[in-house]
Amino acid sequence: MNTHDNIHLRGLELPVLIGVPEAERAAWQTLQADISFTVPTRFEAMEDQLAATVDYAAVASRLRALAAARPRQLIETLAAEMASCVLQEFGAGQVTVELRKRILPGCDHVAVSLMRP
């Protein structure tokens, strides 16, 4: 498995119903995510063919659908689900996910991150 050729999605907006209080989960919020993942084929071996890489538009669409699929309490839960999705459904060799949520007064955002092989 190639461990050096990566695709990065930065600032991916995710509509979600999320939060610990039930009232917070009742309204849609937008989280931001940074996702990086390794691709199974070195870039130079792809020969400019979409079929040889991971379609990042498909990844973005799938992650948005995953995030919107059901309410959750914790952004940690969503981050883990997103990592599993990229690994299992898109064949990535490794994935890093950072999720950001604007929720605390006087704080730009709260973030969680994880890396999965």
PDB file of N, CA and C in Angstrom:
ATOM      1  N   MET A   1       0.844  -1.187   0.000  1.00  0.00           N
ATOM      2  CA  MET A   1       0.000   0.000   0.000  1.00  0.00           C
ATOM      3  C   MET A   1       0.881   1.240   0.000  1.00  0.00           C
ATOM      4  N   ASN A   2       0.572   2.153  -0.854  1.00  0.00           N
ATOM      5  CA  ASN A   2       1.260   3.437  -0.921  1.00  0.00           C
ATOM      6  C   ASN A   2       0.883   4.267   0.312  1.00  0.00           C
ATOM      7  N   THR A   3       1.876   4.842   0.981  1.00  0.00           N
ATOM      8  CA  THR A   3       1.562   5.633   2.173  1.00  0.00           C
ATOM      9  C   THR A   3       1.933   7.097   2.026  1.00  0.00           C
ATOM     10  N   HIS A   4       2.256   7.544   0.819  1.00  0.00           N
ATOM     11  CA  HIS A   4       2.714   8.921   0.670  1.00  0.00           C
ATOM     12  C   HIS A   4       1.867   9.777  -0.258  1.00  0.00           C
ATOM     13  N   ASP A   5       1.067   9.216  -1.111  1.00  0.00           N
ATOM     14  CA  ASP A   5       0.244   9.996  -2.027  1.00  0.00           C
ATOM     15  C   ASP A   5      -1.143  10.149  -1.408  1.00  0.00           C
ATOM     16  N   ASN A   6      -1.503  11.406  -1.147  1.00  0.00           N
ATOM     17  CA  ASN A   6      -2.710  11.691  -0.382  1.00  0.00           C
ATOM     18  C   ASN A   6      -3.634  12.659  -1.104  1.00  0.00           C
ATOM     19  N   ILE A   7      -4.895  12.571  -0.772  1.00  0.00           N
ATOM     20  CA  ILE A   7      -5.904  13.543  -1.186  1.00  0.00           C
ATOM     21  C   ILE A   7      -6.392  14.224   0.086  1.00  0.00           C
ATOM     22  N   HIS A   8      -6.587  15.539   0.010  1.00  0.00           N
ATOM     23  CA  HIS A   8      -7.031  16.321   1.164  1.00  0.00           C
ATOM     24  C   HIS A   8      -8.312  17.074   0.804  1.00  0.00           C
ATOM     25  N   LEU A   9      -9.299  16.961   1.643  1.00  0.00           N
ATOM     26  CA  LEU A   9     -10.506  17.779   1.550  1.00  0.00           C
ATOM     27  C   LEU A   9     -10.459  18.731   2.739  1.00  0.00           C
ATOM     28  N   ARG A  10     -10.386  20.025   2.486  1.00  0.00           N
ATOM     29  CA  ARG A  10     -10.249  21.021   3.547  1.00  0.00           C
ATOM     30  C   ARG A  10     -11.516  21.870   3.650  1.00  0.00           C
ATOM     31  N   GLY A  11     -11.997  22.015   4.869  1.00  0.00           N
ATOM     32  CA  GLY A  11     -13.157  22.871   5.109  1.00  0.00           C
ATOM     33  C   GLY A  11     -14.452  22.325   4.528  1.00  0.00           C
ATOM     34  N   LEU A  12     -14.573  21.001   4.459  1.00  0.00           N
ATOM     35  CA  LEU A  12     -15.793  20.384   3.950  1.00  0.00           C
ATOM     36  C   LEU A  12     -16.945  20.699   4.906  1.00  0.00           C
ATOM     37  N   GLU A  13     -17.995  21.310   4.387  1.00  0.00           N
ATOM     38  CA  GLU A  13     -19.148  21.663   5.214  1.00  0.00           C
ATOM     39  C   GLU A  13     -20.100  20.486   5.300  1.00  0.00           C
ATOM     40  N   LEU A  14     -20.494  20.171   6.542  1.00  0.00           N
ATOM     41  CA  LEU A  14     -21.348  19.019   6.811  1.00  0.00           C
ATOM     42  C   LEU A  14     -22.592  19.463   7.583  1.00  0.00           C
ATOM     43  N   PRO A  15     -23.774  19.338   6.990  1.00  0.00           N
ATOM     44  CA  PRO A  15     -24.998  19.628   7.737  1.00  0.00           C
ATOM     45  C   PRO A  15     -25.288  18.486   8.705  1.00  0.00           C
ATOM     46  N   VAL A  16     -25.545  18.832   9.965  1.00  0.00           N
ATOM     47  CA  VAL A  16     -25.723  17.800  10.994  1.00  0.00           C
ATOM     48  C   VAL A  16     -26.768  18.210  12.023  1.00  0.00           C
ATOM     49  N   LEU A  17     -27.323  17.211  12.669  1.00  0.00           N
ATOM     50  CA  LEU A  17     -28.093  17.376  13.898  1.00  0.00           C
ATOM     51  C   LEU A  17     -27.221  16.761  14.976  1.00  0.00           C
ATOM     52  N   ILE A  18     -26.595  17.594  15.800  1.00  0.00           N
ATOM     53  CA  ILE A  18     -25.595  17.086  16.734  1.00  0.00           C
ATOM     54  C   ILE A  18     -25.571  17.933  17.990  1.00  0.00           C
ATOM     55  N   GLY A  19     -25.267  17.310  19.109  1.00  0.00           N
ATOM     56  CA  GLY A  19     -25.130  18.020  20.371  1.00  0.00           C
ATOM     57  C   GLY A  19     -25.640  17.184  21.519  1.00  0.00           C
ATOM     58  N   VAL A  20     -25.148  17.491  22.696  1.00  0.00           N
ATOM     59  CA  VAL A  20     -25.556  16.731  23.878  1.00  0.00           C
ATOM     60  C   VAL A  20     -26.961  17.111  24.322  1.00  0.00           C
ATOM     61  N   PRO A  21     -27.282  18.397  24.480  1.00  0.00           N
ATOM     62  CA  PRO A  21     -28.672  18.693  24.850  1.00  0.00           C
ATOM     63  C   PRO A  21     -29.614  18.390  23.680  1.00  0.00           C
ATOM     64  N   GLU A  22     -30.755  17.851  23.987  1.00  0.00           N
ATOM     65  CA  GLU A  22     -31.736  17.520  22.954  1.00  0.00           C
ATOM     66  C   GLU A  22     -32.121  18.759  22.142  1.00  0.00           C
ATOM     67  N   ALA A  23     -32.208  19.902  22.792  1.00  0.00           N
ATOM     68  CA  ALA A  23     -32.574  21.143  22.096  1.00  0.00           C
ATOM     69  C   ALA A  23     -31.535  21.513  21.038  1.00  0.00           C
ATOM     70  N   GLU A  24     -30.264  21.249  21.310  1.00  0.00           N
ATOM     71  CA  GLU A  24     -29.221  21.537  20.332  1.00  0.00           C
ATOM     72  C   GLU A  24     -29.337  20.621  19.123  1.00  0.00           C
ATOM     73  N   ARG A  25     -29.668  19.369  19.365  1.00  0.00           N
ATOM     74  CA  ARG A  25     -29.817  18.399  18.271  1.00  0.00           C
ATOM     75  C   ARG A  25     -31.054  18.662  17.420  1.00  0.00           C
ATOM     76  N   ALA A  26     -31.967  19.488  17.892  1.00  0.00           N
ATOM     77  CA  ALA A  26     -33.216  19.751  17.170  1.00  0.00           C
ATOM     78  C   ALA A  26     -33.018  20.696  15.989  1.00  0.00           C
ATOM     79  N   ALA A  27     -31.911  21.423  15.949  1.00  0.00           N
ATOM     80  CA  ALA A  27     -31.673  22.393  14.870  1.00  0.00           C
ATOM     81  C   ALA A  27     -30.440  21.986  14.068  1.00  0.00           C
ATOM     82  N   TRP A  28     -30.508  22.157  12.758  1.00  0.00           N
ATOM     83  CA  TRP A  28     -29.377  21.843  11.891  1.00  0.00           C
ATOM     84  C   TRP A  28     -28.221  22.803  12.166  1.00  0.00           C
ATOM     85  N   GLN A  29     -27.024  22.246  12.195  1.00  0.00           N
ATOM     86  CA  GLN A  29     -25.792  22.999  12.329  1.00  0.00           C
ATOM     87  C   GLN A  29     -24.888  22.608  11.164  1.00  0.00           C
ATOM     88  N   THR A  30     -23.863  23.390  10.942  1.00  0.00           N
ATOM     89  CA  THR A  30     -22.876  23.047   9.930  1.00  0.00           C
ATOM     90  C   THR A  30     -21.521  22.879  10.603  1.00  0.00           C
ATOM     91  N   LEU A  31     -20.976  21.676  10.523  1.00  0.00           N
ATOM     92  CA  LEU A  31     -19.623  21.411  10.986  1.00  0.00           C
ATOM     93  C   LEU A  31     -18.682  21.574   9.802  1.00  0.00           C
ATOM     94  N   GLN A  32     -17.425  21.807  10.104  1.00  0.00           N
ATOM     95  CA  GLN A  32     -16.403  21.806   9.062  1.00  0.00           C
ATOM     96  C   GLN A  32     -15.460  20.642   9.325  1.00  0.00           C
ATOM     97  N   ALA A  33     -15.033  20.003   8.252  1.00  0.00           N
ATOM     98  CA  ALA A  33     -14.152  18.846   8.365  1.00  0.00           C
ATOM     99  C   ALA A  33     -12.959  18.989   7.437  1.00  0.00           C
ATOM    100  N   ASP A  34     -11.829  18.509   7.905  1.00  0.00           N
ATOM    101  CA  ASP A  34     -10.651  18.311   7.072  1.00  0.00           C
ATOM    102  C   ASP A  34     -10.413  16.811   7.033  1.00  0.00           C
ATOM    103  N   ILE A  35     -10.361  16.259   5.839  1.00  0.00           N
ATOM    104  CA  ILE A  35     -10.147  14.823   5.665  1.00  0.00           C
ATOM    105  C   ILE A  35      -8.946  14.639   4.753  1.00  0.00           C
ATOM    106  N   SER A  36      -8.028  13.789   5.160  1.00  0.00           N
ATOM    107  CA  SER A  36      -6.869  13.419   4.339  1.00  0.00           C
ATOM    108  C   SER A  36      -6.827  11.903   4.273  1.00  0.00           C
ATOM    109  N   PHE A  37      -6.560  11.386   3.085  1.00  0.00           N
ATOM    110  CA  PHE A  37      -6.474   9.928   2.969  1.00  0.00           C
ATOM    111  C   PHE A  37      -5.474   9.536   1.897  1.00  0.00           C
ATOM    112  N   THR A  38      -4.854   8.382   2.120  1.00  0.00           N
ATOM    113  CA  THR A  38      -3.912   7.852   1.149  1.00  0.00           C
ATOM    114  C   THR A  38      -4.682   7.096   0.076  1.00  0.00           C
ATOM    115  N   VAL A  39      -4.145   7.158  -1.119  1.00  0.00           N
ATOM    116  CA  VAL A  39      -4.755   6.449  -2.237  1.00  0.00           C
ATOM    117  C   VAL A  39      -3.947   5.188  -2.519  1.00  0.00           C
ATOM    118  N   PRO A  40      -4.597   4.163  -3.057  1.00  0.00           N
ATOM    119  CA  PRO A  40      -3.908   2.885  -3.250  1.00  0.00           C
ATOM    120  C   PRO A  40      -2.886   2.866  -4.382  1.00  0.00           C
ATOM    121  N   THR A  41      -2.934   3.845  -5.261  1.00  0.00           N
ATOM    122  CA  THR A  41      -2.040   3.872  -6.417  1.00  0.00           C
ATOM    123  C   THR A  41      -1.216   5.151  -6.402  1.00  0.00           C
ATOM    124  N   ARG A  42       0.062   5.043  -6.667  1.00  0.00           N
ATOM    125  CA  ARG A  42       0.892   6.251  -6.746  1.00  0.00           C
ATOM    126  C   ARG A  42       0.354   7.150  -7.851  1.00  0.00           C
ATOM    127  N   PHE A  43       0.444   8.452  -7.642  1.00  0.00           N
ATOM    128  CA  PHE A  43      -0.121   9.399  -8.600  1.00  0.00           C
ATOM    129  C   PHE A  43       0.425   9.195 -10.012  1.00  0.00           C
ATOM    130  N   GLU A  44       1.724   8.985 -10.136  1.00  0.00           N
ATOM    131  CA  GLU A  44       2.292   8.854 -11.479  1.00  0.00           C
ATOM    132  C   GLU A  44       1.838   7.577 -12.189  1.00  0.00           C
ATOM    133  N   ALA A  45       1.354   6.601 -11.441  1.00  0.00           N
ATOM    134  CA  ALA A  45       0.874   5.361 -12.049  1.00  0.00           C
ATOM    135  C   ALA A  45      -0.603   5.443 -12.468  1.00  0.00           C
ATOM    136  N   MET A  46      -1.265   6.523 -12.130  1.00  0.00           N
ATOM    137  CA  MET A  46      -2.691   6.659 -12.441  1.00  0.00           C
ATOM    138  C   MET A  46      -2.973   6.943 -13.904  1.00  0.00           C
ATOM    139  N   GLU A  47      -1.986   7.407 -14.627  1.00  0.00           N
ATOM    140  CA  GLU A  47      -2.105   7.677 -16.056  1.00  0.00           C
ATOM    141  C   GLU A  47      -3.306   8.566 -16.385  1.00  0.00           C
ATOM    142  N   ASP A  48      -3.572   9.538 -15.505  1.00  0.00           N
ATOM    143  CA  ASP A  48      -4.617  10.536 -15.725  1.00  0.00           C
ATOM    144  C   ASP A  48      -6.011   9.920 -15.865  1.00  0.00           C
ATOM    145  N   GLN A  49      -6.253   8.804 -15.182  1.00  0.00           N
ATOM    146  CA  GLN A  49      -7.534   8.110 -15.252  1.00  0.00           C
ATOM    147  C   GLN A  49      -8.257   8.177 -13.905  1.00  0.00           C
ATOM    148  N   LEU A  50      -9.478   8.704 -13.896  1.00  0.00           N
ATOM    149  CA  LEU A  50     -10.262   8.803 -12.666  1.00  0.00           C
ATOM    150  C   LEU A  50     -10.440   7.440 -11.999  1.00  0.00           C
ATOM    151  N   ALA A  51     -10.597   6.408 -12.775  1.00  0.00           N
ATOM    152  CA  ALA A  51     -10.806   5.068 -12.222  1.00  0.00           C
ATOM    153  C   ALA A  51      -9.604   4.576 -11.410  1.00  0.00           C
ATOM    154  N   ALA A  52      -8.448   5.201 -11.585  1.00  0.00           N
ATOM    155  CA  ALA A  52      -7.238   4.767 -10.887  1.00  0.00           C
ATOM    156  C   ALA A  52      -7.056   5.463  -9.538  1.00  0.00           C
ATOM    157  N   THR A  53      -7.918   6.416  -9.232  1.00  0.00           N
ATOM    158  CA  THR A  53      -7.780   7.159  -7.986  1.00  0.00           C
ATOM    159  C   THR A  53      -9.071   7.053  -7.188  1.00  0.00           C
ATOM    160  N   VAL A  54      -9.157   7.804  -6.108  1.00  0.00           N
ATOM    161  CA  VAL A  54     -10.379   7.894  -5.322  1.00  0.00           C
ATOM    162  C   VAL A  54     -11.073   9.183  -5.741  1.00  0.00           C
ATOM    163  N   ASP A  55     -12.310   9.089  -6.144  1.00  0.00           N
ATOM    164  CA  ASP A  55     -13.088  10.237  -6.599  1.00  0.00           C
ATOM    165  C   ASP A  55     -13.438  11.102  -5.393  1.00  0.00           C
ATOM    166  N   TYR A  56     -12.730  12.215  -5.233  1.00  0.00           N
ATOM    167  CA  TYR A  56     -12.927  13.031  -4.030  1.00  0.00           C
ATOM    168  C   TYR A  56     -14.298  13.690  -3.994  1.00  0.00           C
ATOM    169  N   ALA A  57     -14.921  13.928  -5.138  1.00  0.00           N
ATOM    170  CA  ALA A  57     -16.286  14.449  -5.134  1.00  0.00           C
ATOM    171  C   ALA A  57     -17.249  13.412  -4.554  1.00  0.00           C
ATOM    172  N   ALA A  58     -17.024  12.155  -4.870  1.00  0.00           N
ATOM    173  CA  ALA A  58     -17.852  11.079  -4.315  1.00  0.00           C
ATOM    174  C   ALA A  58     -17.634  10.947  -2.810  1.00  0.00           C
ATOM    175  N   VAL A  59     -16.396  11.098  -2.366  1.00  0.00           N
ATOM    176  CA  VAL A  59     -16.101  11.054  -0.927  1.00  0.00           C
ATOM    177  C   VAL A  59     -16.841  12.187  -0.224  1.00  0.00           C
ATOM    178  N   ALA A  60     -16.740  13.399  -0.750  1.00  0.00           N
ATOM    179  CA  ALA A  60     -17.404  14.550  -0.127  1.00  0.00           C
ATOM    180  C   ALA A  60     -18.912  14.339  -0.054  1.00  0.00           C
ATOM    181  N   SER A  61     -19.502  13.874  -1.133  1.00  0.00           N
ATOM    182  CA  SER A  61     -20.943  13.635  -1.165  1.00  0.00           C
ATOM    183  C   SER A  61     -21.351  12.571  -0.150  1.00  0.00           C
ATOM    184  N   ARG A  62     -20.589  11.497  -0.093  1.00  0.00           N
ATOM    185  CA  ARG A  62     -20.908  10.400   0.838  1.00  0.00           C
ATOM    186  C   ARG A  62     -20.779  10.852   2.282  1.00  0.00           C
ATOM    187  N   LEU A  63     -19.750  11.638   2.597  1.00  0.00           N
ATOM    188  CA  LEU A  63     -19.566  12.099   3.973  1.00  0.00           C
ATOM    189  C   LEU A  63     -20.658  13.081   4.384  1.00  0.00           C
ATOM    190  N   ARG A  64     -21.104  13.920   3.450  1.00  0.00           N
ATOM    191  CA  ARG A  64     -22.229  14.819   3.762  1.00  0.00           C
ATOM    192  C   ARG A  64     -23.493  14.007   4.061  1.00  0.00           C
ATOM    193  N   ALA A  65     -23.737  12.986   3.251  1.00  0.00           N
ATOM    194  CA  ALA A  65     -24.913  12.135   3.471  1.00  0.00           C
ATOM    195  C   ALA A  65     -24.814  11.390   4.797  1.00  0.00           C
ATOM    196  N   LEU A  66     -23.637  10.890   5.108  1.00  0.00           N
ATOM    197  CA  LEU A  66     -23.419  10.191   6.376  1.00  0.00           C
ATOM    198  C   LEU A  66     -23.694  11.119   7.553  1.00  0.00           C
ATOM    199  N   ALA A  67     -23.162  12.328   7.487  1.00  0.00           N
ATOM    200  CA  ALA A  67     -23.332  13.285   8.579  1.00  0.00           C
ATOM    201  C   ALA A  67     -24.801  13.642   8.791  1.00  0.00           C
ATOM    202  N   ALA A  68     -25.548  13.767   7.712  1.00  0.00           N
ATOM    203  CA  ALA A  68     -26.949  14.179   7.791  1.00  0.00           C
ATOM    204  C   ALA A  68     -27.912  13.030   8.067  1.00  0.00           C
ATOM    205  N   ALA A  69     -27.420  11.799   8.044  1.00  0.00           N
ATOM    206  CA  ALA A  69     -28.291  10.619   8.102  1.00  0.00           C
ATOM    207  C   ALA A  69     -29.060  10.456   9.407  1.00  0.00           C
ATOM    208  N   ARG A  70     -28.466  10.889  10.507  1.00  0.00           N
ATOM    209  CA  ARG A  70     -29.142  10.693  11.799  1.00  0.00           C
ATOM    210  C   ARG A  70     -28.550  11.638  12.836  1.00  0.00           C
ATOM    211  N   PRO A  71     -29.323  11.950  13.861  1.00  0.00           N
ATOM    212  CA  PRO A  71     -28.788  12.789  14.944  1.00  0.00           C
ATOM    213  C   PRO A  71     -27.736  12.033  15.761  1.00  0.00           C
ATOM    214  N   ARG A  72     -26.788  12.784  16.288  1.00  0.00           N
ATOM    215  CA  ARG A  72     -25.752  12.232  17.173  1.00  0.00           C
ATOM    216  C   ARG A  72     -25.518  13.215  18.300  1.00  0.00           C
ATOM    217  N   GLN A  73     -25.012  12.709  19.403  1.00  0.00           N
ATOM    218  CA  GLN A  73     -24.641  13.584  20.502  1.00  0.00           C
ATOM    219  C   GLN A  73     -23.225  14.121  20.335  1.00  0.00           C
ATOM    220  N   LEU A  74     -22.288  13.270  19.940  1.00  0.00           N
ATOM    221  CA  LEU A  74     -20.872  13.613  19.987  1.00  0.00           C
ATOM    222  C   LEU A  74     -20.244  13.757  18.603  1.00  0.00           C
ATOM    223  N   ILE A  75     -19.427  14.798  18.438  1.00  0.00           N
ATOM    224  CA  ILE A  75     -18.676  14.915  17.190  1.00  0.00           C
ATOM    225  C   ILE A  75     -17.626  13.810  17.107  1.00  0.00           C
ATOM    226  N   GLU A  76     -17.220  13.277  18.236  1.00  0.00           N
ATOM    227  CA  GLU A  76     -16.278  12.154  18.249  1.00  0.00           C
ATOM    228  C   GLU A  76     -16.868  10.945  17.526  1.00  0.00           C
ATOM    229  N   THR A  77     -18.150  10.705  17.746  1.00  0.00           N
ATOM    230  CA  THR A  77     -18.837   9.582  17.093  1.00  0.00           C
ATOM    231  C   THR A  77     -18.850   9.772  15.587  1.00  0.00           C
ATOM    232  N   LEU A  78     -19.202  10.976  15.151  1.00  0.00           N
ATOM    233  CA  LEU A  78     -19.245  11.250  13.719  1.00  0.00           C
ATOM    234  C   LEU A  78     -17.862  11.132  13.088  1.00  0.00           C
ATOM    235  N   ALA A  79     -16.828  11.626  13.749  1.00  0.00           N
ATOM    236  CA  ALA A  79     -15.461  11.530  13.216  1.00  0.00           C
ATOM    237  C   ALA A  79     -15.076  10.071  12.993  1.00  0.00           C
ATOM    238  N   ALA A  80     -15.379   9.201  13.954  1.00  0.00           N
ATOM    239  CA  ALA A  80     -15.055   7.778  13.819  1.00  0.00           C
ATOM    240  C   ALA A  80     -15.839   7.138  12.679  1.00  0.00           C
ATOM    241  N   GLU A  81     -17.114   7.490  12.533  1.00  0.00           N
ATOM    242  CA  GLU A  81     -17.922   6.951  11.439  1.00  0.00           C
ATOM    243  C   GLU A  81     -17.386   7.398  10.076  1.00  0.00           C
ATOM    244  N   MET A  82     -16.964   8.654  10.002  1.00  0.00           N
ATOM    245  CA  MET A  82     -16.419   9.174   8.749  1.00  0.00           C
ATOM    246  C   MET A  82     -15.133   8.453   8.370  1.00  0.00           C
ATOM    247  N   ALA A  83     -14.263   8.226   9.327  1.00  0.00           N
ATOM    248  CA  ALA A  83     -13.015   7.516   9.052  1.00  0.00           C
ATOM    249  C   ALA A  83     -13.303   6.104   8.552  1.00  0.00           C
ATOM    250  N   SER A  84     -14.196   5.403   9.218  1.00  0.00           N
ATOM    251  CA  SER A  84     -14.553   4.044   8.784  1.00  0.00           C
ATOM    252  C   SER A  84     -15.111   4.040   7.370  1.00  0.00           C
ATOM    253  N   CYS A  85     -15.933   5.014   7.055  1.00  0.00           N
ATOM    254  CA  CYS A  85     -16.528   5.115   5.726  1.00  0.00           C
ATOM    255  C   CYS A  85     -15.451   5.270   4.654  1.00  0.00           C
ATOM    256  N   VAL A  86     -14.517   6.182   4.859  1.00  0.00           N
ATOM    257  CA  VAL A  86     -13.474   6.419   3.855  1.00  0.00           C
ATOM    258  C   VAL A  86     -12.611   5.175   3.672  1.00  0.00           C
ATOM    259  N   LEU A  87     -12.297   4.499   4.757  1.00  0.00           N
ATOM    260  CA  LEU A  87     -11.474   3.289   4.672  1.00  0.00           C
ATOM    261  C   LEU A  87     -12.225   2.147   3.988  1.00  0.00           C
ATOM    262  N   GLN A  88     -13.446   1.902   4.421  1.00  0.00           N
ATOM    263  CA  GLN A  88     -14.183   0.737   3.942  1.00  0.00           C
ATOM    264  C   GLN A  88     -14.804   0.932   2.569  1.00  0.00           C
ATOM    265  N   GLU A  89     -15.357   2.102   2.303  1.00  0.00           N
ATOM    266  CA  GLU A  89     -16.092   2.307   1.056  1.00  0.00           C
ATOM    267  C   GLU A  89     -15.225   2.833  -0.089  1.00  0.00           C
ATOM    268  N   PHE A  90     -14.102   3.471   0.244  1.00  0.00           N
ATOM    269  CA  PHE A  90     -13.286   4.081  -0.797  1.00  0.00           C
ATOM    270  C   PHE A  90     -11.883   3.494  -0.897  1.00  0.00           C
ATOM    271  N   GLY A  91     -11.580   2.505  -0.072  1.00  0.00           N
ATOM    272  CA  GLY A  91     -10.318   1.796  -0.193  1.00  0.00           C
ATOM    273  C   GLY A  91      -9.082   2.584   0.181  1.00  0.00           C
ATOM    274  N   ALA A  92      -9.256   3.625   0.983  1.00  0.00           N
ATOM    275  CA  ALA A  92      -8.090   4.397   1.421  1.00  0.00           C
ATOM    276  C   ALA A  92      -7.212   3.540   2.317  1.00  0.00           C
ATOM    277  N   GLY A  93      -5.924   3.797   2.274  1.00  0.00           N
ATOM    278  CA  GLY A  93      -4.988   3.045   3.106  1.00  0.00           C
ATOM    279  C   GLY A  93      -4.892   3.594   4.510  1.00  0.00           C
ATOM    280  N   GLN A  94      -5.116   4.882   4.653  1.00  0.00           N
ATOM    281  CA  GLN A  94      -5.062   5.556   5.944  1.00  0.00           C
ATOM    282  C   GLN A  94      -5.918   6.811   5.818  1.00  0.00           C
ATOM    283  N   VAL A  95      -6.538   7.227   6.901  1.00  0.00           N
ATOM    284  CA  VAL A  95      -7.361   8.431   6.864  1.00  0.00           C
ATOM    285  C   VAL A  95      -7.155   9.240   8.142  1.00  0.00           C
ATOM    286  N   THR A  96      -7.175  10.548   7.985  1.00  0.00           N
ATOM    287  CA  THR A  96      -7.162  11.480   9.109  1.00  0.00           C
ATOM    288  C   THR A  96      -8.405  12.351   8.968  1.00  0.00           C
ATOM    289  N   VAL A  97      -9.130  12.502  10.077  1.00  0.00           N
ATOM    290  CA  VAL A  97     -10.338  13.325  10.090  1.00  0.00           C
ATOM    291  C   VAL A  97     -10.212  14.334  11.219  1.00  0.00           C
ATOM    292  N   GLU A  98     -10.475  15.597  10.905  1.00  0.00           N
ATOM    293  CA  GLU A  98     -10.634  16.624  11.930  1.00  0.00           C
ATOM    294  C   GLU A  98     -12.000  17.250  11.717  1.00  0.00           C
ATOM    295  N   LEU A  99     -12.792  17.311  12.794  1.00  0.00           N
ATOM    296  CA  LEU A  99     -14.112  17.951  12.753  1.00  0.00           C
ATOM    297  C   LEU A  99     -14.088  19.176  13.646  1.00  0.00           C
ATOM    298  N   ARG A 100     -14.670  20.272  13.151  1.00  0.00           N
ATOM    299  CA  ARG A 100     -14.743  21.515  13.913  1.00  0.00           C
ATOM    300  C   ARG A 100     -16.199  21.926  14.087  1.00  0.00           C
ATOM    301  N   LYS A 101     -16.491  22.371  15.304  1.00  0.00           N
ATOM    302  CA  LYS A 101     -17.850  22.792  15.647  1.00  0.00           C
ATOM    303  C   LYS A 101     -17.768  24.138  16.353  1.00  0.00           C
ATOM    304  N   ARG A 102     -18.530  25.095  15.889  1.00  0.00           N
ATOM    305  CA  ARG A 102     -18.600  26.414  16.534  1.00  0.00           C
ATOM    306  C   ARG A 102     -19.745  26.366  17.532  1.00  0.00           C
ATOM    307  N   ILE A 103     -19.397  26.280  18.812  1.00  0.00           N
ATOM    308  CA  ILE A 103     -20.443  26.121  19.819  1.00  0.00           C
ATOM    309  C   ILE A 103     -20.177  26.902  21.097  1.00  0.00           C
ATOM    310  N   LEU A 104     -18.926  27.055  21.496  1.00  0.00           N
ATOM    311  CA  LEU A 104     -18.624  27.709  22.772  1.00  0.00           C
ATOM    312  C   LEU A 104     -18.440  29.211  22.591  1.00  0.00           C
ATOM    313  N   PRO A 105     -19.112  29.999  23.404  1.00  0.00           N
ATOM    314  CA  PRO A 105     -18.891  31.450  23.346  1.00  0.00           C
ATOM    315  C   PRO A 105     -17.424  31.766  23.665  1.00  0.00           C
ATOM    316  N   GLY A 106     -16.868  32.733  22.948  1.00  0.00           N
ATOM    317  CA  GLY A 106     -15.495  33.139  23.187  1.00  0.00           C
ATOM    318  C   GLY A 106     -14.458  32.144  22.696  1.00  0.00           C
ATOM    319  N   CYS A 107     -14.877  31.218  21.842  1.00  0.00           N
ATOM    320  CA  CYS A 107     -13.969  30.188  21.316  1.00  0.00           C
ATOM    321  C   CYS A 107     -14.274  30.024  19.829  1.00  0.00           C
ATOM    322  N   ASP A 108     -13.246  30.092  19.001  1.00  0.00           N
ATOM    323  CA  ASP A 108     -13.465  29.969  17.564  1.00  0.00           C
ATOM    324  C   ASP A 108     -14.181  28.667  17.224  1.00  0.00           C
ATOM    325  N   HIS A 109     -13.681  27.553  17.730  1.00  0.00           N
ATOM    326  CA  HIS A 109     -14.326  26.268  17.493  1.00  0.00           C
ATOM    327  C   HIS A 109     -13.755  25.218  18.451  1.00  0.00           C
ATOM    328  N   VAL A 110     -14.486  24.143  18.576  1.00  0.00           N
ATOM    329  CA  VAL A 110     -14.016  22.942  19.257  1.00  0.00           C
ATOM    330  C   VAL A 110     -13.705  21.953  18.152  1.00  0.00           C
ATOM    331  N   ALA A 111     -12.618  21.214  18.289  1.00  0.00           N
ATOM    332  CA  ALA A 111     -12.238  20.259  17.245  1.00  0.00           C
ATOM    333  C   ALA A 111     -11.868  18.920  17.857  1.00  0.00           C
ATOM    334  N   VAL A 112     -12.138  17.872  17.106  1.00  0.00           N
ATOM    335  CA  VAL A 112     -11.647  16.538  17.429  1.00  0.00           C
ATOM    336  C   VAL A 112     -10.923  16.027  16.197  1.00  0.00           C
ATOM    337  N   SER A 113      -9.927  15.182  16.398  1.00  0.00           N
ATOM    338  CA  SER A 113      -9.237  14.602  15.253  1.00  0.00           C
ATOM    339  C   SER A 113      -8.844  13.179  15.561  1.00  0.00           C
ATOM    340  N   LEU A 114      -8.719  12.402  14.495  1.00  0.00           N
ATOM    341  CA  LEU A 114      -8.283  11.014  14.625  1.00  0.00           C
ATOM    342  C   LEU A 114      -7.563  10.592  13.362  1.00  0.00           C
ATOM    343  N   MET A 115      -6.733   9.570  13.496  1.00  0.00           N
ATOM    344  CA  MET A 115      -6.077   8.954  12.349  1.00  0.00           C
ATOM    345  C   MET A 115      -6.300   7.453  12.469  1.00  0.00           C
ATOM    346  N   ARG A 116      -6.665   6.840  11.353  1.00  0.00           N
ATOM    347  CA  ARG A 116      -6.874   5.399  11.330  1.00  0.00           C
ATOM    348  C   ARG A 116      -6.079   4.789  10.180  1.00  0.00           C
ATOM    349  N   PRO A 117      -5.379   3.689  10.484  1.00  0.00           N
ATOM    350  CA  PRO A 117      -4.638   2.987   9.419  1.00  0.00           C
ATOM    351  C   PRO A 117      -5.559   2.115   8.581  1.00  0.00           C
TER     352      PRO A 117
END
